[in-house]
């Protein structure tokens, strides 16, 4: 697995991840089925087509993306709690952020809230 992924590779991964509700939607009947999640990860690994990219790498990658997403969401929400002006609103530079927002908003994850008005403006 490449140590650092470019935006194109990360966006491809998030799109593939989004296709498999069993990995992120706690309301999905398949979410609690380990075999379904494993199968989904195997398909993602296959479609990514990366040398030495395993299902364990796929799990670690999504954990990393979720953590980064949470940090970026916090940076967006932080000025909203103060009296900062609209020009002071933080805008993430990662191209995959909007894609990840679609996953986070469409599923039920154990995550913080995100200001949808700000995110859809990217």
N, C-alpha and C. Protein backbone atom coordinates (compact mmCIF):
# COMPACT_ATOMS: atom_id res chain seq x y z
N UNK A 1 0.85 -1.18 0.00
CA UNK A 1 0.00 0.00 0.00
C UNK A 1 0.89 1.23 0.00
N UNK A 2 0.57 2.20 -0.87
CA UNK A 2 1.36 3.43 -0.86
C UNK A 2 1.27 4.11 0.50
N UNK A 3 2.38 4.68 0.94
CA UNK A 3 2.40 5.34 2.25
C UNK A 3 1.45 6.53 2.26
N UNK A 4 1.44 7.28 1.21
CA UNK A 4 0.57 8.45 1.12
C UNK A 4 -0.21 8.38 -0.19
N UNK A 5 -1.51 8.44 -0.08
CA UNK A 5 -2.35 8.36 -1.27
C UNK A 5 -2.60 9.74 -1.83
N UNK A 6 -2.70 9.83 -3.16
CA UNK A 6 -3.09 11.09 -3.78
C UNK A 6 -4.61 11.23 -3.71
N UNK A 7 -5.10 12.39 -4.09
CA UNK A 7 -6.55 12.66 -4.01
C UNK A 7 -7.36 11.70 -4.87
N UNK A 8 -6.86 11.38 -6.04
CA UNK A 8 -7.59 10.49 -6.95
C UNK A 8 -7.77 9.10 -6.34
N UNK A 9 -6.72 8.57 -5.77
CA UNK A 9 -6.77 7.25 -5.15
C UNK A 9 -7.69 7.25 -3.93
N UNK A 10 -7.61 8.30 -3.14
CA UNK A 10 -8.46 8.40 -1.95
C UNK A 10 -9.93 8.54 -2.33
N UNK A 11 -10.21 9.34 -3.33
CA UNK A 11 -11.60 9.50 -3.80
C UNK A 11 -12.15 8.17 -4.31
N UNK A 12 -11.33 7.42 -5.04
CA UNK A 12 -11.76 6.10 -5.53
C UNK A 12 -12.10 5.20 -4.35
N UNK A 13 -11.25 5.21 -3.33
CA UNK A 13 -11.48 4.37 -2.16
C UNK A 13 -12.78 4.77 -1.45
N UNK A 14 -13.01 6.06 -1.26
CA UNK A 14 -14.23 6.52 -0.57
C UNK A 14 -15.47 6.15 -1.38
N UNK A 15 -15.39 6.25 -2.70
CA UNK A 15 -16.53 5.86 -3.54
C UNK A 15 -16.83 4.37 -3.38
N UNK A 16 -15.81 3.56 -3.37
CA UNK A 16 -16.00 2.11 -3.19
C UNK A 16 -16.55 1.81 -1.79
N UNK A 17 -16.03 2.49 -0.81
CA UNK A 17 -16.50 2.33 0.57
C UNK A 17 -17.98 2.69 0.67
N UNK A 18 -18.36 3.77 0.01
CA UNK A 18 -19.74 4.25 0.04
C UNK A 18 -20.72 3.22 -0.54
N UNK A 19 -20.25 2.43 -1.50
CA UNK A 19 -21.10 1.42 -2.14
C UNK A 19 -21.48 0.29 -1.19
N UNK A 20 -20.77 0.14 -0.09
CA UNK A 20 -20.97 -0.99 0.82
C UNK A 20 -21.52 -0.52 2.17
N UNK A 21 -22.83 -0.38 2.23
CA UNK A 21 -23.50 0.10 3.44
C UNK A 21 -23.17 -0.72 4.67
N UNK A 22 -22.89 -1.99 4.48
CA UNK A 22 -22.61 -2.85 5.63
C UNK A 22 -21.37 -2.40 6.40
N UNK A 23 -20.57 -1.55 5.80
CA UNK A 23 -19.36 -1.07 6.46
C UNK A 23 -19.58 0.20 7.28
N UNK A 24 -20.63 0.95 6.97
CA UNK A 24 -20.80 2.24 7.64
C UNK A 24 -22.20 2.54 8.16
N UNK A 25 -23.21 1.85 7.72
CA UNK A 25 -24.58 2.15 8.14
C UNK A 25 -25.01 1.17 9.24
N UNK A 26 -25.05 1.66 10.47
CA UNK A 26 -25.40 0.80 11.60
C UNK A 26 -26.84 0.30 11.54
N UNK A 27 -27.67 0.90 10.69
CA UNK A 27 -29.06 0.45 10.55
C UNK A 27 -29.21 -0.64 9.48
N UNK A 28 -28.15 -0.90 8.75
CA UNK A 28 -28.19 -1.94 7.73
C UNK A 28 -28.25 -3.32 8.41
N UNK A 29 -29.05 -4.20 7.85
CA UNK A 29 -29.14 -5.55 8.41
C UNK A 29 -27.82 -6.30 8.28
N UNK A 30 -26.99 -5.90 7.31
CA UNK A 30 -25.71 -6.56 7.10
C UNK A 30 -24.59 -5.98 7.97
N UNK A 31 -24.85 -4.87 8.60
CA UNK A 31 -23.82 -4.21 9.41
C UNK A 31 -23.27 -5.12 10.50
N UNK A 32 -24.13 -5.90 11.11
CA UNK A 32 -23.72 -6.78 12.21
C UNK A 32 -23.14 -8.11 11.74
N UNK A 33 -23.14 -8.31 10.44
CA UNK A 33 -22.63 -9.58 9.90
C UNK A 33 -21.18 -9.43 9.49
N UNK A 34 -20.31 -10.05 10.25
CA UNK A 34 -18.87 -9.96 10.00
C UNK A 34 -18.51 -10.47 8.61
N UNK A 35 -19.18 -11.54 8.17
CA UNK A 35 -18.88 -12.10 6.86
C UNK A 35 -19.23 -11.12 5.73
N UNK A 36 -20.31 -10.37 5.90
CA UNK A 36 -20.70 -9.38 4.89
C UNK A 36 -19.68 -8.24 4.84
N UNK A 37 -19.25 -7.79 6.01
CA UNK A 37 -18.26 -6.71 6.06
C UNK A 37 -16.93 -7.18 5.45
N UNK A 38 -16.53 -8.40 5.78
CA UNK A 38 -15.29 -8.95 5.24
C UNK A 38 -15.36 -9.07 3.72
N UNK A 39 -16.48 -9.54 3.22
CA UNK A 39 -16.68 -9.67 1.78
C UNK A 39 -16.62 -8.30 1.09
N UNK A 40 -17.22 -7.31 1.72
CA UNK A 40 -17.19 -5.95 1.17
C UNK A 40 -15.77 -5.41 1.12
N UNK A 41 -15.01 -5.64 2.17
CA UNK A 41 -13.62 -5.20 2.20
C UNK A 41 -12.79 -5.90 1.12
N UNK A 42 -13.04 -7.18 0.93
CA UNK A 42 -12.33 -7.93 -0.11
C UNK A 42 -12.63 -7.38 -1.49
N UNK A 43 -13.88 -7.01 -1.73
CA UNK A 43 -14.25 -6.43 -3.02
C UNK A 43 -13.58 -5.07 -3.22
N UNK A 44 -13.54 -4.26 -2.18
CA UNK A 44 -12.88 -2.97 -2.26
C UNK A 44 -11.40 -3.15 -2.59
N UNK A 45 -10.76 -4.06 -1.90
CA UNK A 45 -9.33 -4.33 -2.14
C UNK A 45 -9.12 -4.76 -3.59
N UNK A 46 -9.98 -5.65 -4.08
CA UNK A 46 -9.87 -6.12 -5.46
C UNK A 46 -10.04 -4.97 -6.45
N UNK A 47 -11.05 -4.13 -6.24
CA UNK A 47 -11.32 -3.02 -7.16
C UNK A 47 -10.27 -1.90 -7.08
N UNK A 48 -9.63 -1.77 -5.94
CA UNK A 48 -8.57 -0.76 -5.83
C UNK A 48 -7.38 -1.16 -6.70
N UNK A 49 -7.13 -2.46 -6.80
CA UNK A 49 -6.07 -2.95 -7.68
C UNK A 49 -4.66 -2.54 -7.28
N UNK A 50 -4.43 -2.36 -5.99
CA UNK A 50 -3.11 -1.96 -5.51
C UNK A 50 -2.31 -3.17 -5.07
N UNK A 51 -1.06 -3.17 -5.40
CA UNK A 51 -0.18 -4.27 -4.99
C UNK A 51 0.01 -4.23 -3.48
N UNK A 52 -0.09 -5.38 -2.85
CA UNK A 52 0.10 -5.53 -1.40
C UNK A 52 -0.92 -4.76 -0.56
N UNK A 53 -2.08 -4.44 -1.11
CA UNK A 53 -3.15 -3.77 -0.37
C UNK A 53 -4.10 -4.85 0.13
N UNK A 54 -4.21 -4.99 1.45
CA UNK A 54 -4.98 -6.07 2.06
C UNK A 54 -6.27 -5.54 2.70
N UNK A 55 -7.11 -6.46 3.15
CA UNK A 55 -8.33 -6.03 3.84
C UNK A 55 -7.97 -5.33 5.15
N UNK A 56 -6.89 -5.74 5.77
CA UNK A 56 -6.45 -5.05 7.00
C UNK A 56 -6.02 -3.62 6.67
N UNK A 57 -5.35 -3.44 5.54
CA UNK A 57 -4.98 -2.09 5.10
C UNK A 57 -6.23 -1.25 4.82
N UNK A 58 -7.24 -1.89 4.24
CA UNK A 58 -8.50 -1.19 3.93
C UNK A 58 -9.17 -0.72 5.21
N UNK A 59 -9.14 -1.57 6.25
CA UNK A 59 -9.72 -1.18 7.55
C UNK A 59 -8.95 0.00 8.13
N UNK A 60 -7.63 -0.08 8.09
CA UNK A 60 -6.80 1.00 8.64
C UNK A 60 -7.00 2.30 7.88
N UNK A 61 -7.17 2.19 6.56
CA UNK A 61 -7.36 3.39 5.74
C UNK A 61 -8.65 4.10 6.12
N UNK A 62 -9.73 3.35 6.31
CA UNK A 62 -10.99 4.02 6.65
C UNK A 62 -10.91 4.61 8.05
N UNK A 63 -10.23 3.95 8.96
CA UNK A 63 -10.05 4.52 10.30
C UNK A 63 -9.31 5.85 10.21
N UNK A 64 -8.29 5.87 9.38
CA UNK A 64 -7.51 7.09 9.19
C UNK A 64 -8.36 8.20 8.55
N UNK A 65 -9.14 7.83 7.52
CA UNK A 65 -10.00 8.82 6.86
C UNK A 65 -11.07 9.35 7.80
N UNK A 66 -11.65 8.47 8.60
CA UNK A 66 -12.66 8.91 9.57
C UNK A 66 -12.07 9.88 10.59
N UNK A 67 -10.87 9.57 11.06
CA UNK A 67 -10.21 10.44 12.04
C UNK A 67 -9.92 11.81 11.43
N UNK A 68 -9.39 11.80 10.22
CA UNK A 68 -9.11 13.07 9.53
C UNK A 68 -10.40 13.82 9.26
N UNK A 69 -11.43 13.09 8.85
CA UNK A 69 -12.73 13.72 8.61
C UNK A 69 -13.25 14.39 9.87
N UNK A 70 -13.14 13.71 10.99
CA UNK A 70 -13.61 14.28 12.26
C UNK A 70 -12.84 15.54 12.63
N UNK A 71 -11.53 15.52 12.43
CA UNK A 71 -10.72 16.70 12.72
C UNK A 71 -11.12 17.87 11.83
N UNK A 72 -11.31 17.59 10.56
CA UNK A 72 -11.69 18.64 9.63
C UNK A 72 -13.10 19.16 9.95
N UNK A 73 -14.01 18.27 10.31
CA UNK A 73 -15.36 18.69 10.69
C UNK A 73 -15.33 19.58 11.91
N UNK A 74 -14.48 19.22 12.85
CA UNK A 74 -14.33 20.04 14.06
C UNK A 74 -13.81 21.43 13.68
N UNK A 75 -12.87 21.48 12.76
CA UNK A 75 -12.34 22.78 12.32
C UNK A 75 -13.41 23.62 11.63
N UNK A 76 -14.33 22.97 10.93
CA UNK A 76 -15.43 23.69 10.28
C UNK A 76 -16.39 24.22 11.34
N UNK A 77 -16.76 23.35 12.29
CA UNK A 77 -17.74 23.71 13.31
C UNK A 77 -17.21 24.68 14.34
N UNK A 78 -15.93 24.67 14.58
CA UNK A 78 -15.34 25.49 15.64
C UNK A 78 -15.66 26.98 15.50
N UNK A 79 -15.47 27.60 14.34
CA UNK A 79 -15.80 29.03 14.24
C UNK A 79 -17.29 29.32 14.44
N UNK A 80 -18.14 28.32 14.20
CA UNK A 80 -19.57 28.54 14.35
C UNK A 80 -19.95 28.77 15.81
N UNK A 81 -19.15 28.23 16.72
CA UNK A 81 -19.45 28.40 18.13
C UNK A 81 -18.94 29.74 18.66
N UNK A 82 -18.09 30.39 17.89
CA UNK A 82 -17.61 31.72 18.30
C UNK A 82 -18.35 32.76 17.47
N UNK A 83 -17.89 33.97 17.55
CA UNK A 83 -18.53 35.04 16.79
C UNK A 83 -17.72 35.38 15.55
N UNK A 84 -17.12 34.39 14.96
CA UNK A 84 -16.31 34.60 13.76
C UNK A 84 -17.22 34.93 12.58
N UNK A 85 -16.69 35.68 11.66
CA UNK A 85 -17.44 36.03 10.46
C UNK A 85 -17.41 34.91 9.45
N UNK A 86 -18.25 35.00 8.44
CA UNK A 86 -18.32 33.96 7.42
C UNK A 86 -17.00 33.80 6.67
N UNK A 87 -16.25 34.90 6.55
CA UNK A 87 -14.96 34.81 5.87
C UNK A 87 -13.95 33.98 6.66
N UNK A 88 -14.20 33.76 7.96
CA UNK A 88 -13.30 33.00 8.80
C UNK A 88 -13.63 31.51 8.83
N UNK A 89 -14.63 31.07 8.06
CA UNK A 89 -15.04 29.68 8.08
C UNK A 89 -13.96 28.83 7.42
N UNK A 90 -13.59 27.77 8.09
CA UNK A 90 -12.56 26.86 7.60
C UNK A 90 -13.12 26.00 6.47
N UNK A 91 -12.34 25.83 5.42
CA UNK A 91 -12.75 24.99 4.29
C UNK A 91 -11.67 23.94 4.05
N UNK A 92 -12.01 22.67 4.20
CA UNK A 92 -11.03 21.60 3.99
C UNK A 92 -10.51 21.61 2.55
N UNK A 93 -9.26 21.28 2.38
CA UNK A 93 -8.65 21.28 1.05
C UNK A 93 -8.68 19.91 0.38
N UNK A 94 -9.01 18.87 1.14
CA UNK A 94 -9.01 17.52 0.57
C UNK A 94 -10.21 17.33 -0.36
N UNK A 95 -9.93 16.81 -1.54
CA UNK A 95 -10.99 16.58 -2.52
C UNK A 95 -11.96 15.51 -2.06
N UNK A 96 -11.52 14.58 -1.24
CA UNK A 96 -12.37 13.47 -0.80
C UNK A 96 -13.31 13.88 0.33
N UNK A 97 -13.14 15.06 0.91
CA UNK A 97 -13.95 15.45 2.06
C UNK A 97 -15.44 15.47 1.74
N UNK A 98 -15.81 16.03 0.60
CA UNK A 98 -17.23 16.09 0.22
C UNK A 98 -17.80 14.70 0.00
N UNK A 99 -17.01 13.81 -0.62
CA UNK A 99 -17.47 12.43 -0.80
C UNK A 99 -17.69 11.74 0.54
N UNK A 100 -16.77 11.95 1.44
CA UNK A 100 -16.87 11.33 2.77
C UNK A 100 -18.07 11.90 3.53
N UNK A 101 -18.37 13.16 3.30
CA UNK A 101 -19.52 13.77 3.95
C UNK A 101 -20.80 13.08 3.52
N UNK A 102 -20.88 12.71 2.26
CA UNK A 102 -22.06 11.99 1.76
C UNK A 102 -22.24 10.66 2.48
N UNK A 103 -21.14 9.98 2.75
CA UNK A 103 -21.22 8.72 3.48
C UNK A 103 -21.62 8.99 4.92
N UNK A 104 -20.97 9.94 5.54
CA UNK A 104 -21.22 10.22 6.95
C UNK A 104 -22.65 10.71 7.19
N UNK A 105 -23.18 11.47 6.26
CA UNK A 105 -24.54 11.99 6.43
C UNK A 105 -25.61 10.98 6.06
N UNK A 106 -25.29 10.07 5.14
CA UNK A 106 -26.31 9.13 4.70
C UNK A 106 -26.41 7.91 5.61
N UNK A 107 -25.37 7.64 6.35
CA UNK A 107 -25.38 6.51 7.26
C UNK A 107 -25.47 6.98 8.69
N UNK A 108 -25.54 6.04 9.56
CA UNK A 108 -25.58 6.36 10.98
C UNK A 108 -24.26 5.90 11.56
N UNK A 109 -23.40 6.86 11.81
CA UNK A 109 -22.09 6.55 12.35
C UNK A 109 -21.95 7.13 13.74
N UNK A 110 -21.06 6.60 14.49
CA UNK A 110 -20.78 7.14 15.81
C UNK A 110 -19.81 8.30 15.66
N UNK A 111 -20.32 9.40 15.12
CA UNK A 111 -19.48 10.55 14.87
C UNK A 111 -20.19 11.81 15.31
N UNK A 112 -19.46 12.90 15.28
CA UNK A 112 -20.03 14.20 15.61
C UNK A 112 -20.87 14.71 14.46
N UNK A 113 -21.51 15.82 14.66
CA UNK A 113 -22.34 16.40 13.62
C UNK A 113 -21.48 17.30 12.75
N UNK A 114 -21.98 17.54 11.55
CA UNK A 114 -21.28 18.38 10.60
C UNK A 114 -22.28 19.40 10.08
N UNK A 115 -21.84 20.63 9.92
CA UNK A 115 -22.71 21.66 9.41
C UNK A 115 -22.91 21.44 7.90
N UNK A 116 -24.07 20.95 7.51
CA UNK A 116 -24.31 20.58 6.13
C UNK A 116 -24.33 21.77 5.19
N UNK A 117 -24.73 22.94 5.66
CA UNK A 117 -24.76 24.13 4.80
C UNK A 117 -23.36 24.49 4.35
N UNK A 118 -22.40 24.37 5.23
CA UNK A 118 -21.03 24.71 4.88
C UNK A 118 -20.41 23.67 3.96
N UNK A 119 -20.70 22.43 4.20
CA UNK A 119 -20.07 21.36 3.43
C UNK A 119 -20.56 21.34 1.99
N UNK A 120 -21.82 21.59 1.77
CA UNK A 120 -22.35 21.53 0.41
C UNK A 120 -21.86 22.70 -0.42
N UNK A 121 -21.22 23.69 0.19
CA UNK A 121 -20.74 24.84 -0.57
C UNK A 121 -19.36 24.62 -1.17
N UNK A 122 -18.73 23.46 -0.95
CA UNK A 122 -17.38 23.22 -1.47
C UNK A 122 -17.40 22.85 -2.92
